[in-house]
Amino acid sequence: MARGLLDRAAIEHNLLAASRLYNNISLAGLGTLLEIEPERAEKIASKMITEGRLVGFVDQISSFVAL
């Protein structure tokens, strides 16, 4: 379980770092950047946005995240 928490923390950290570099990115591109599946990238980004830890929105129709 601790390994899962460390992995998630690293992914969230990298997502925050990516938000400083990109205004928007496809979910496929975000998944590639974070080395996870696009669906998982979307889920993590959505949760962080909902919790107010990341500013942006997910466009599921166009499959991208605006940061």
C-alpha atoms as a PDB file:
ATOM      1  CA  MET A   1       0.000   0.000   0.000  1.00  0.00           C
ATOM      2  CA  ALA A   2       2.834   2.434   0.809  1.00  0.00           C
ATOM      3  CA  ARG A   3       4.270   1.868  -2.679  1.00  0.00           C
ATOM      4  CA  GLY A   4       0.913   2.868  -4.200  1.00  0.00           C
ATOM      5  CA  LEU A   5       0.888   6.067  -2.171  1.00  0.00           C
ATOM      6  CA  LEU A   6       4.426   6.919  -3.250  1.00  0.00           C
ATOM      7  CA  ASP A   7       3.563   6.266  -6.895  1.00  0.00           C
ATOM      8  CA  ARG A   8       0.466   8.440  -6.674  1.00  0.00           C
ATOM      9  CA  ALA A   9       2.378  11.239  -4.943  1.00  0.00           C
ATOM     10  CA  ALA A  10       5.033  11.149  -7.685  1.00  0.00           C
ATOM     11  CA  ILE A  11       2.365  11.221 -10.410  1.00  0.00           C
ATOM     12  CA  GLU A  12       0.588  14.156  -8.752  1.00  0.00           C
ATOM     13  CA  HIS A  13       3.891  16.012  -8.376  1.00  0.00           C
ATOM     14  CA  ASN A  14       4.699  15.428 -12.050  1.00  0.00           C
ATOM     15  CA  LEU A  15       1.207  16.539 -13.055  1.00  0.00           C
ATOM     16  CA  LEU A  16       1.679  19.804 -11.170  1.00  0.00           C
ATOM     17  CA  ALA A  17       5.060  20.276 -12.860  1.00  0.00           C
ATOM     18  CA  ALA A  18       3.449  19.619 -16.267  1.00  0.00           C
ATOM     19  CA  SER A  19       0.801  22.242 -15.515  1.00  0.00           C
ATOM     20  CA  ARG A  20       3.585  24.827 -15.415  1.00  0.00           C
ATOM     21  CA  LEU A  21       4.770  23.826 -18.898  1.00  0.00           C
ATOM     22  CA  TYR A  22       1.497  23.218 -20.751  1.00  0.00           C
ATOM     23  CA  ASN A  23      -1.657  25.282 -21.185  1.00  0.00           C
ATOM     24  CA  ASN A  24      -3.441  22.210 -22.494  1.00  0.00           C
ATOM     25  CA  ILE A  25      -2.458  18.660 -23.284  1.00  0.00           C
ATOM     26  CA  SER A  26      -4.240  15.633 -24.680  1.00  0.00           C
ATOM     27  CA  LEU A  27      -5.093  12.875 -22.250  1.00  0.00           C
ATOM     28  CA  ALA A  28      -2.951  10.522 -24.345  1.00  0.00           C
ATOM     29  CA  GLY A  29      -0.040  12.964 -24.151  1.00  0.00           C
ATOM     30  CA  LEU A  30      -0.515  13.429 -20.426  1.00  0.00           C
ATOM     31  CA  GLY A  31      -0.597   9.674 -19.920  1.00  0.00           C
ATOM     32  CA  THR A  32       2.616   9.323 -21.906  1.00  0.00           C
ATOM     33  CA  LEU A  33       4.267  12.131 -19.958  1.00  0.00           C
ATOM     34  CA  LEU A  34       3.269  10.592 -16.626  1.00  0.00           C
ATOM     35  CA  GLU A  35       3.955   7.039 -17.833  1.00  0.00           C
ATOM     36  CA  ILE A  36       0.405   5.874 -17.019  1.00  0.00           C
ATOM     37  CA  GLU A  37      -2.727   5.056 -18.992  1.00  0.00           C
ATOM     38  CA  PRO A  38      -4.673   8.087 -20.313  1.00  0.00           C
ATOM     39  CA  GLU A  39      -7.742   7.010 -18.325  1.00  0.00           C
ATOM     40  CA  ARG A  40      -5.753   7.066 -15.085  1.00  0.00           C
ATOM     41  CA  ALA A  41      -4.241  10.448 -15.991  1.00  0.00           C
ATOM     42  CA  GLU A  42      -7.757  11.807 -16.519  1.00  0.00           C
ATOM     43  CA  LYS A  43      -8.970  10.406 -13.199  1.00  0.00           C
ATOM     44  CA  ILE A  44      -6.047  11.859 -11.237  1.00  0.00           C
ATOM     45  CA  ALA A  45      -6.258  15.255 -12.965  1.00  0.00           C
ATOM     46  CA  SER A  46     -10.021  15.403 -12.378  1.00  0.00           C
ATOM     47  CA  LYS A  47      -9.627  14.585  -8.692  1.00  0.00           C
ATOM     48  CA  MET A  48      -6.886  17.179  -8.218  1.00  0.00           C
ATOM     49  CA  ILE A  49      -8.992  19.830  -9.991  1.00  0.00           C
ATOM     50  CA  THR A  50     -12.058  18.969  -7.902  1.00  0.00           C
ATOM     51  CA  GLU A  51     -10.010  19.187  -4.692  1.00  0.00           C
ATOM     52  CA  GLY A  52      -8.601  22.584  -5.722  1.00  0.00           C
ATOM     53  CA  ARG A  53      -5.012  21.325  -5.928  1.00  0.00           C
ATOM     54  CA  LEU A  54      -4.816  21.927  -9.677  1.00  0.00           C
ATOM     55  CA  VAL A  55      -6.400  24.726 -11.696  1.00  0.00           C
ATOM     56  CA  GLY A  56      -7.915  23.620 -14.976  1.00  0.00           C
ATOM     57  CA  PHE A  57     -10.597  21.454 -16.496  1.00  0.00           C
ATOM     58  CA  VAL A  58     -10.936  18.171 -18.328  1.00  0.00           C
ATOM     59  CA  ASP A  59     -12.680  18.196 -21.722  1.00  0.00           C
ATOM     60  CA  GLN A  60     -13.806  14.598 -22.113  1.00  0.00           C
ATOM     61  CA  ILE A  61     -15.301  15.196 -25.574  1.00  0.00           C
ATOM     62  CA  SER A  62     -12.032  16.478 -27.032  1.00  0.00           C
ATOM     63  CA  SER A  63      -9.892  14.302 -24.728  1.00  0.00           C
ATOM     64  CA  PHE A  64      -7.656  17.007 -23.322  1.00  0.00           C
ATOM     65  CA  VAL A  65      -6.853  18.790 -20.082  1.00  0.00           C
ATOM     66  CA  ALA A  66      -6.637  22.583 -19.974  1.00  0.00           C
ATOM     67  CA  LEU A  67      -4.258  23.729 -17.251  1.00  0.00           C
END
